[in-house]
Structures are given as structure tokens and as C-alpha cells.
Amino acid sequence: MSTLKVNNIQDASGGNNSTAEQIAQGRAKAWVNIDGNGTVNMRDNFNVSSITDNSTGNYTVNFSTNFSDANYIAVGFAHRNDAGSGRVLVNIDQLISQSASAYRFTTSGTTNAQVVGLSTVDPSYIFLAFFGDN
């Protein structure tokens, strides 16, 4: 088996330039855009095989290709629910478990800016990206 050594990689039209180091260290290894309201589905994804809806506001992201260990980084954002639901704040609240093959978390929100307590909710938009070795 031989090794190909290059400084830059481009697509066939000469665009989308990346270095080998950027690919190995600086690119998201998985990402997903989730519709968590009603029947949970993925709007779009990379390296995510499925989403599990465990209960209200409780989801598991399952990876197509596992990470080398559970020490990857997950970053995310959740949009408030549709305007009619009255949610003021929605956030990715609690990490339940993180393994090389899956990431389980909850989302929470409040119905009133003056209410401090949060409860689990199914947001309309959940965006997650995962960085690490796989």
C-alpha cells in the first residue's frame, strides 16, 4: 500500500480547498439538523445514521462511523418552538451519555421570561456538530 502526500486537496473544479491537517483536525466529523417537534426527523446530516426520540426533549444521535473514543466535542444550539407554543427559551440542557457510537441529551425551555424553572421540550430546530477523532 502506498501513501499519497499532498499539500492541498481540491474538488474537480478547483474549489473547496482543504489541507490534510484541516481535514484531520479541524473539520466536523458529524453534524445534524433535527426537527424535534412531533415525529422526530433529520432535515439534513453528515455521518449520523439515525435519531432516537427517547421521550419529550430527550434524544440520542447515533453515528454512522463511530468516534475512536468518547472524548469528542459536541456543540449545539436549539431554536425556540413555533411562535404559537409560547416558549421564550430553548436550550440543549443536559448530557445524559456520550459514547463513541452515540450522544444522548435533553432540551429544555420555559414559557415565560420571568419563570426561572425549565422543563423538557421538543424544539422545532436542534443543530449539533461533533469534533474529534474517528
N, C-alpha and C. Protein backbone atom coordinates (compact mmCIF):
# COMPACT_ATOMS: atom_id res chain seq x y z
N MET A 1 0.85 -1.18 0.00
CA MET A 1 0.00 0.00 0.00
C MET A 1 0.89 1.23 0.00
N SER A 2 0.54 2.22 -0.81
CA SER A 2 1.35 3.43 -0.89
C SER A 2 0.64 4.59 -0.24
N THR A 3 1.38 5.64 0.04
CA THR A 3 0.85 6.84 0.68
C THR A 3 0.89 7.98 -0.31
N LEU A 4 -0.20 8.72 -0.42
CA LEU A 4 -0.27 9.90 -1.27
C LEU A 4 -0.05 11.11 -0.37
N LYS A 5 0.98 11.90 -0.67
CA LYS A 5 1.29 13.09 0.12
C LYS A 5 1.01 14.33 -0.71
N VAL A 6 0.14 15.20 -0.19
CA VAL A 6 -0.23 16.43 -0.88
C VAL A 6 -0.30 17.58 0.12
N ASN A 7 -0.16 18.80 -0.38
CA ASN A 7 -0.30 19.98 0.47
C ASN A 7 -1.75 20.45 0.54
N ASN A 8 -2.47 20.33 -0.57
CA ASN A 8 -3.85 20.78 -0.65
C ASN A 8 -4.68 19.78 -1.42
N ILE A 9 -5.96 19.70 -1.07
CA ILE A 9 -6.92 18.86 -1.77
C ILE A 9 -8.03 19.77 -2.26
N GLN A 10 -8.39 19.64 -3.56
CA GLN A 10 -9.46 20.44 -4.14
C GLN A 10 -10.44 19.52 -4.84
N ASP A 11 -11.67 20.04 -5.04
CA ASP A 11 -12.62 19.27 -5.84
C ASP A 11 -12.25 19.40 -7.32
N ALA A 12 -12.96 18.71 -8.19
CA ALA A 12 -12.61 18.64 -9.61
C ALA A 12 -12.62 20.01 -10.30
N SER A 13 -13.42 20.95 -9.82
CA SER A 13 -13.48 22.28 -10.43
C SER A 13 -12.43 23.23 -9.86
N GLY A 14 -11.61 22.76 -8.94
CA GLY A 14 -10.55 23.59 -8.36
C GLY A 14 -10.99 24.39 -7.15
N GLY A 15 -12.18 24.15 -6.66
CA GLY A 15 -12.68 24.87 -5.49
C GLY A 15 -12.63 24.00 -4.25
N ASN A 16 -13.20 24.49 -3.16
CA ASN A 16 -13.29 23.74 -1.90
C ASN A 16 -11.94 23.19 -1.48
N ASN A 17 -10.99 24.07 -1.31
CA ASN A 17 -9.62 23.71 -0.94
C ASN A 17 -9.52 23.36 0.54
N SER A 18 -8.81 22.28 0.86
CA SER A 18 -8.54 21.88 2.24
C SER A 18 -7.14 21.30 2.33
N THR A 19 -6.51 21.51 3.48
CA THR A 19 -5.24 20.85 3.73
C THR A 19 -5.49 19.53 4.45
N ALA A 20 -4.51 18.66 4.42
CA ALA A 20 -4.65 17.38 5.13
C ALA A 20 -4.84 17.62 6.63
N GLU A 21 -4.15 18.61 7.20
CA GLU A 21 -4.28 18.90 8.62
C GLU A 21 -5.69 19.40 8.95
N GLN A 22 -6.26 20.26 8.10
CA GLN A 22 -7.63 20.74 8.32
C GLN A 22 -8.61 19.58 8.33
N ILE A 23 -8.43 18.68 7.42
CA ILE A 23 -9.33 17.53 7.34
C ILE A 23 -9.19 16.66 8.58
N ALA A 24 -7.96 16.41 9.02
CA ALA A 24 -7.73 15.53 10.16
C ALA A 24 -8.12 16.17 11.48
N GLN A 25 -7.90 17.48 11.63
CA GLN A 25 -8.09 18.11 12.94
C GLN A 25 -9.21 19.13 13.02
N GLY A 26 -9.56 19.78 11.93
CA GLY A 26 -10.41 20.94 12.05
C GLY A 26 -11.79 20.85 11.45
N ARG A 27 -12.19 19.72 11.00
CA ARG A 27 -13.50 19.60 10.37
C ARG A 27 -14.45 18.81 11.26
N ALA A 28 -15.72 19.17 11.21
CA ALA A 28 -16.72 18.41 11.96
C ALA A 28 -16.76 17.00 11.41
N LYS A 29 -16.72 16.01 12.27
CA LYS A 29 -16.77 14.61 11.85
C LYS A 29 -18.20 14.12 11.75
N ALA A 30 -19.15 14.88 12.33
CA ALA A 30 -20.57 14.57 12.21
C ALA A 30 -21.34 15.85 12.53
N TRP A 31 -22.51 16.01 11.90
CA TRP A 31 -23.41 17.12 12.23
C TRP A 31 -24.83 16.71 11.85
N VAL A 32 -25.80 17.39 12.48
CA VAL A 32 -27.20 17.05 12.20
C VAL A 32 -28.11 18.25 12.46
N ASN A 33 -29.14 18.38 11.64
CA ASN A 33 -30.20 19.37 11.79
C ASN A 33 -31.47 18.56 12.08
N ILE A 34 -31.99 18.67 13.30
CA ILE A 34 -33.10 17.83 13.77
C ILE A 34 -34.38 18.65 13.91
N ASP A 35 -35.48 18.07 13.44
CA ASP A 35 -36.81 18.58 13.76
C ASP A 35 -37.29 17.74 14.94
N GLY A 36 -37.26 18.30 16.14
CA GLY A 36 -37.60 17.55 17.34
C GLY A 36 -39.06 17.63 17.74
N ASN A 37 -39.86 18.35 16.98
CA ASN A 37 -41.26 18.57 17.31
C ASN A 37 -42.14 17.57 16.57
N GLY A 38 -43.00 16.86 17.28
CA GLY A 38 -43.86 15.84 16.66
C GLY A 38 -43.05 14.60 16.34
N THR A 39 -43.17 14.10 15.12
CA THR A 39 -42.37 12.95 14.70
C THR A 39 -40.96 13.44 14.41
N VAL A 40 -40.01 12.99 15.20
CA VAL A 40 -38.63 13.46 15.09
C VAL A 40 -38.03 12.99 13.77
N ASN A 41 -37.35 13.92 13.08
CA ASN A 41 -36.66 13.55 11.85
C ASN A 41 -35.44 14.43 11.65
N MET A 42 -34.57 13.96 10.77
CA MET A 42 -33.38 14.72 10.40
C MET A 42 -33.67 15.48 9.12
N ARG A 43 -33.48 16.80 9.16
CA ARG A 43 -33.63 17.59 7.94
C ARG A 43 -32.42 17.36 7.04
N ASP A 44 -31.25 17.28 7.66
CA ASP A 44 -30.01 17.03 6.93
C ASP A 44 -28.98 16.56 7.93
N ASN A 45 -27.96 15.85 7.45
CA ASN A 45 -26.94 15.36 8.37
C ASN A 45 -25.70 14.94 7.62
N PHE A 46 -24.63 14.74 8.37
CA PHE A 46 -23.40 14.13 7.87
C PHE A 46 -22.93 13.16 8.94
N ASN A 47 -22.72 11.92 8.60
CA ASN A 47 -22.22 10.87 9.49
C ASN A 47 -23.14 10.60 10.68
N VAL A 48 -24.43 10.80 10.50
CA VAL A 48 -25.42 10.44 11.52
C VAL A 48 -26.36 9.42 10.89
N SER A 49 -26.45 8.24 11.51
CA SER A 49 -27.29 7.18 10.94
C SER A 49 -28.75 7.32 11.33
N SER A 50 -29.02 7.81 12.54
CA SER A 50 -30.40 7.93 13.00
C SER A 50 -30.48 8.79 14.25
N ILE A 51 -31.72 9.19 14.57
CA ILE A 51 -32.04 9.91 15.80
C ILE A 51 -33.06 9.07 16.55
N THR A 52 -32.86 8.91 17.84
CA THR A 52 -33.83 8.20 18.68
C THR A 52 -34.55 9.23 19.54
N ASP A 53 -35.88 9.18 19.52
CA ASP A 53 -36.71 10.04 20.37
C ASP A 53 -37.04 9.22 21.61
N ASN A 54 -36.31 9.45 22.72
CA ASN A 54 -36.46 8.67 23.95
C ASN A 54 -37.69 9.08 24.76
N SER A 55 -37.98 10.37 24.76
CA SER A 55 -39.14 10.93 25.46
C SER A 55 -39.15 12.42 25.15
N THR A 56 -40.06 13.18 25.74
CA THR A 56 -40.12 14.62 25.49
C THR A 56 -38.77 15.26 25.81
N GLY A 57 -38.19 15.93 24.80
CA GLY A 57 -36.94 16.64 24.99
C GLY A 57 -35.73 15.76 25.24
N ASN A 58 -35.81 14.49 24.96
CA ASN A 58 -34.72 13.54 25.24
C ASN A 58 -34.41 12.77 23.95
N TYR A 59 -33.21 13.00 23.40
CA TYR A 59 -32.84 12.45 22.10
C TYR A 59 -31.49 11.75 22.15
N THR A 60 -31.30 10.81 21.23
CA THR A 60 -30.00 10.18 21.03
C THR A 60 -29.62 10.32 19.57
N VAL A 61 -28.42 10.84 19.31
CA VAL A 61 -27.85 10.91 17.97
C VAL A 61 -26.95 9.69 17.81
N ASN A 62 -27.20 8.88 16.79
CA ASN A 62 -26.41 7.67 16.52
C ASN A 62 -25.52 7.93 15.30
N PHE A 63 -24.22 7.66 15.43
CA PHE A 63 -23.27 7.96 14.37
C PHE A 63 -23.16 6.83 13.36
N SER A 64 -22.96 7.17 12.10
CA SER A 64 -22.72 6.17 11.05
C SER A 64 -21.35 5.55 11.22
N THR A 65 -20.34 6.39 11.47
CA THR A 65 -18.98 5.93 11.75
C THR A 65 -18.63 6.37 13.16
N ASN A 66 -18.31 5.42 14.02
CA ASN A 66 -18.02 5.73 15.41
C ASN A 66 -16.78 6.60 15.56
N PHE A 67 -16.75 7.36 16.64
CA PHE A 67 -15.54 8.07 17.03
C PHE A 67 -14.57 7.06 17.63
N SER A 68 -13.30 7.42 17.74
CA SER A 68 -12.30 6.49 18.28
C SER A 68 -12.51 6.26 19.78
N ASP A 69 -13.15 7.23 20.46
CA ASP A 69 -13.46 7.11 21.88
C ASP A 69 -14.56 8.12 22.20
N ALA A 70 -14.90 8.27 23.45
CA ALA A 70 -15.98 9.18 23.86
C ALA A 70 -15.48 10.58 24.20
N ASN A 71 -14.26 10.92 23.81
CA ASN A 71 -13.67 12.21 24.16
C ASN A 71 -13.83 13.27 23.08
N TYR A 72 -14.80 13.12 22.19
CA TYR A 72 -15.07 14.13 21.17
C TYR A 72 -15.81 15.32 21.80
N ILE A 73 -15.94 16.37 21.03
CA ILE A 73 -16.62 17.58 21.49
C ILE A 73 -17.93 17.71 20.74
N ALA A 74 -19.00 17.99 21.46
CA ALA A 74 -20.30 18.26 20.85
C ALA A 74 -20.65 19.72 21.09
N VAL A 75 -21.07 20.41 20.05
CA VAL A 75 -21.54 21.78 20.18
C VAL A 75 -22.93 21.84 19.56
N GLY A 76 -23.80 22.66 20.15
CA GLY A 76 -25.15 22.68 19.62
C GLY A 76 -25.93 23.91 19.99
N PHE A 77 -27.07 24.01 19.34
CA PHE A 77 -27.97 25.14 19.52
C PHE A 77 -29.38 24.66 19.24
N ALA A 78 -30.35 25.14 19.98
CA ALA A 78 -31.75 24.80 19.73
C ALA A 78 -32.55 26.09 19.60
N HIS A 79 -33.42 26.14 18.57
CA HIS A 79 -34.32 27.28 18.38
C HIS A 79 -35.56 27.09 19.23
N ARG A 80 -36.15 28.18 19.64
CA ARG A 80 -37.42 28.09 20.36
C ARG A 80 -38.46 27.42 19.47
N ASN A 81 -39.48 26.90 20.09
CA ASN A 81 -40.56 26.23 19.35
C ASN A 81 -41.31 27.24 18.50
N ASP A 82 -42.22 26.75 17.68
CA ASP A 82 -43.02 27.63 16.84
C ASP A 82 -43.67 28.70 17.70
N ALA A 83 -43.92 29.86 17.13
CA ALA A 83 -44.41 31.02 17.87
C ALA A 83 -45.66 30.72 18.70
N GLY A 84 -46.53 29.85 18.23
CA GLY A 84 -47.76 29.55 18.95
C GLY A 84 -47.56 28.80 20.25
N SER A 85 -46.39 28.20 20.44
CA SER A 85 -46.18 27.41 21.64
C SER A 85 -45.78 28.27 22.84
N GLY A 86 -45.38 29.51 22.60
CA GLY A 86 -45.08 30.42 23.69
C GLY A 86 -43.75 30.20 24.38
N ARG A 87 -42.89 29.37 23.86
CA ARG A 87 -41.60 29.15 24.50
C ARG A 87 -40.71 30.38 24.33
N VAL A 88 -40.12 30.86 25.42
CA VAL A 88 -39.24 32.01 25.40
C VAL A 88 -37.79 31.56 25.21
N LEU A 89 -37.43 30.48 25.84
CA LEU A 89 -36.05 30.00 25.82
C LEU A 89 -36.06 28.50 25.57
N VAL A 90 -35.20 28.04 24.68
CA VAL A 90 -34.98 26.62 24.48
C VAL A 90 -33.48 26.41 24.38
N ASN A 91 -32.97 25.43 25.11
CA ASN A 91 -31.54 25.17 25.06
C ASN A 91 -31.25 23.68 25.16
N ILE A 92 -30.05 23.31 24.72
CA ILE A 92 -29.57 21.94 24.93
C ILE A 92 -29.09 21.92 26.37
N ASP A 93 -29.79 21.15 27.18
CA ASP A 93 -29.69 21.30 28.62
C ASP A 93 -28.75 20.31 29.29
N GLN A 94 -28.90 19.04 29.04
CA GLN A 94 -28.20 18.05 29.86
C GLN A 94 -27.63 16.95 28.98
N LEU A 95 -26.37 16.65 29.21
CA LEU A 95 -25.74 15.49 28.60
C LEU A 95 -26.12 14.28 29.44
N ILE A 96 -26.76 13.30 28.82
CA ILE A 96 -27.15 12.08 29.54
C ILE A 96 -26.07 11.02 29.39
N SER A 97 -25.59 10.83 28.16
CA SER A 97 -24.50 9.89 27.94
C SER A 97 -23.78 10.23 26.65
N GLN A 98 -22.51 9.90 26.62
CA GLN A 98 -21.66 10.15 25.46
C GLN A 98 -20.77 8.94 25.28
N SER A 99 -20.94 8.24 24.15
CA SER A 99 -20.09 7.09 23.84
C SER A 99 -19.51 7.29 22.44
N ALA A 100 -18.65 6.40 22.00
CA ALA A 100 -18.06 6.51 20.67
C ALA A 100 -19.11 6.39 19.58
N SER A 101 -20.23 5.74 19.87
CA SER A 101 -21.25 5.49 18.84
C SER A 101 -22.50 6.37 18.93
N ALA A 102 -22.68 7.08 20.06
CA ALA A 102 -23.92 7.85 20.22
C ALA A 102 -23.76 8.98 21.24
N TYR A 103 -24.63 9.99 21.11
CA TYR A 103 -24.67 11.14 22.01
C TYR A 103 -26.11 11.34 22.44
N ARG A 104 -26.39 11.25 23.75
CA ARG A 104 -27.75 11.41 24.27
C ARG A 104 -27.84 12.67 25.12
N PHE A 105 -28.88 13.47 24.89
CA PHE A 105 -29.01 14.77 25.54
C PHE A 105 -30.48 15.13 25.72
N THR A 106 -30.73 16.19 26.50
CA THR A 106 -32.08 16.72 26.65
C THR A 106 -32.11 18.18 26.22
N THR A 107 -33.31 18.64 25.85
CA THR A 107 -33.54 20.05 25.57
C THR A 107 -34.59 20.56 26.55
N SER A 108 -34.41 21.80 27.00
CA SER A 108 -35.33 22.39 27.98
C SER A 108 -35.75 23.77 27.54
N GLY A 109 -36.85 24.24 28.11
CA GLY A 109 -37.34 25.56 27.80
C GLY A 109 -38.25 26.08 28.88
N THR A 110 -38.62 27.35 28.74
CA THR A 110 -39.55 27.98 29.66
C THR A 110 -40.61 28.72 28.85
N THR A 111 -41.77 28.89 29.40
CA THR A 111 -42.86 29.55 28.69
C THR A 111 -42.96 31.04 29.01
N ASN A 112 -42.10 31.53 29.89
CA ASN A 112 -42.23 32.90 30.33
C ASN A 112 -40.86 33.42 30.74
N ALA A 113 -40.49 34.61 30.31
CA ALA A 113 -39.17 35.16 30.61
C ALA A 113 -38.96 35.33 32.11
N GLN A 114 -40.04 35.48 32.88
CA GLN A 114 -39.91 35.66 34.32
C GLN A 114 -39.84 34.32 35.07
N VAL A 115 -40.15 33.24 34.39
CA VAL A 115 -40.12 31.92 35.02
C VAL A 115 -38.71 31.36 34.91
N VAL A 116 -38.11 31.07 36.04
CA VAL A 116 -36.73 30.57 36.05
C VAL A 116 -36.69 29.08 35.74
N GLY A 117 -37.64 28.31 36.22
CA GLY A 117 -37.62 26.86 36.05
C GLY A 117 -37.79 26.44 34.61
N LEU A 118 -37.01 25.48 34.20
CA LEU A 118 -37.09 24.93 32.85
C LEU A 118 -37.74 23.56 32.88
N SER A 119 -38.40 23.20 31.80
CA SER A 119 -38.94 21.85 31.65
C SER A 119 -38.52 21.31 30.29
N THR A 120 -38.49 19.99 30.15
CA THR A 120 -38.09 19.41 28.88
C THR A 120 -39.13 19.74 27.81
N VAL A 121 -38.64 20.05 26.61
CA VAL A 121 -39.50 20.42 25.48
C VAL A 121 -38.95 19.78 24.21
N ASP A 122 -39.81 19.68 23.20
CA ASP A 122 -39.43 19.22 21.87
C ASP A 122 -39.30 20.43 20.95
N PRO A 123 -38.09 20.96 20.77
CA PRO A 123 -37.93 22.14 19.93
C PRO A 123 -38.06 21.81 18.44
N SER A 124 -38.42 22.82 17.67
CA SER A 124 -38.57 22.64 16.23
C SER A 124 -37.22 22.51 15.52
N TYR A 125 -36.19 23.12 16.08
CA TYR A 125 -34.87 23.08 15.44
C TYR A 125 -33.79 22.78 16.47
N ILE A 126 -33.02 21.73 16.21
CA ILE A 126 -31.85 21.39 17.03
C ILE A 126 -30.70 21.20 16.07
N PHE A 127 -29.60 21.95 16.29
CA PHE A 127 -28.42 21.85 15.44
C PHE A 127 -27.26 21.35 16.29
N LEU A 128 -26.60 20.29 15.87
CA LEU A 128 -25.45 19.73 16.60
C LEU A 128 -24.30 19.45 15.63
N ALA A 129 -23.07 19.69 16.09
CA ALA A 129 -21.86 19.34 15.35
C ALA A 129 -20.91 18.64 16.32
N PHE A 130 -20.16 17.69 15.80
CA PHE A 130 -19.27 16.87 16.62
C PHE A 130 -17.86 16.89 16.04
N PHE A 131 -16.87 17.15 16.92
CA PHE A 131 -15.47 17.24 16.52
C PHE A 131 -14.66 16.25 17.34
N GLY A 132 -13.79 15.50 16.69
CA GLY A 132 -12.93 14.54 17.38
C GLY A 132 -12.32 13.57 16.39
N ASP A 133 -11.71 12.53 16.88
CA ASP A 133 -11.06 11.53 16.04
C ASP A 133 -11.99 10.36 15.80
N ASN A 134 -12.07 9.94 14.54
CA ASN A 134 -12.83 8.71 14.24
C ASN A 134 -12.19 7.93 13.14
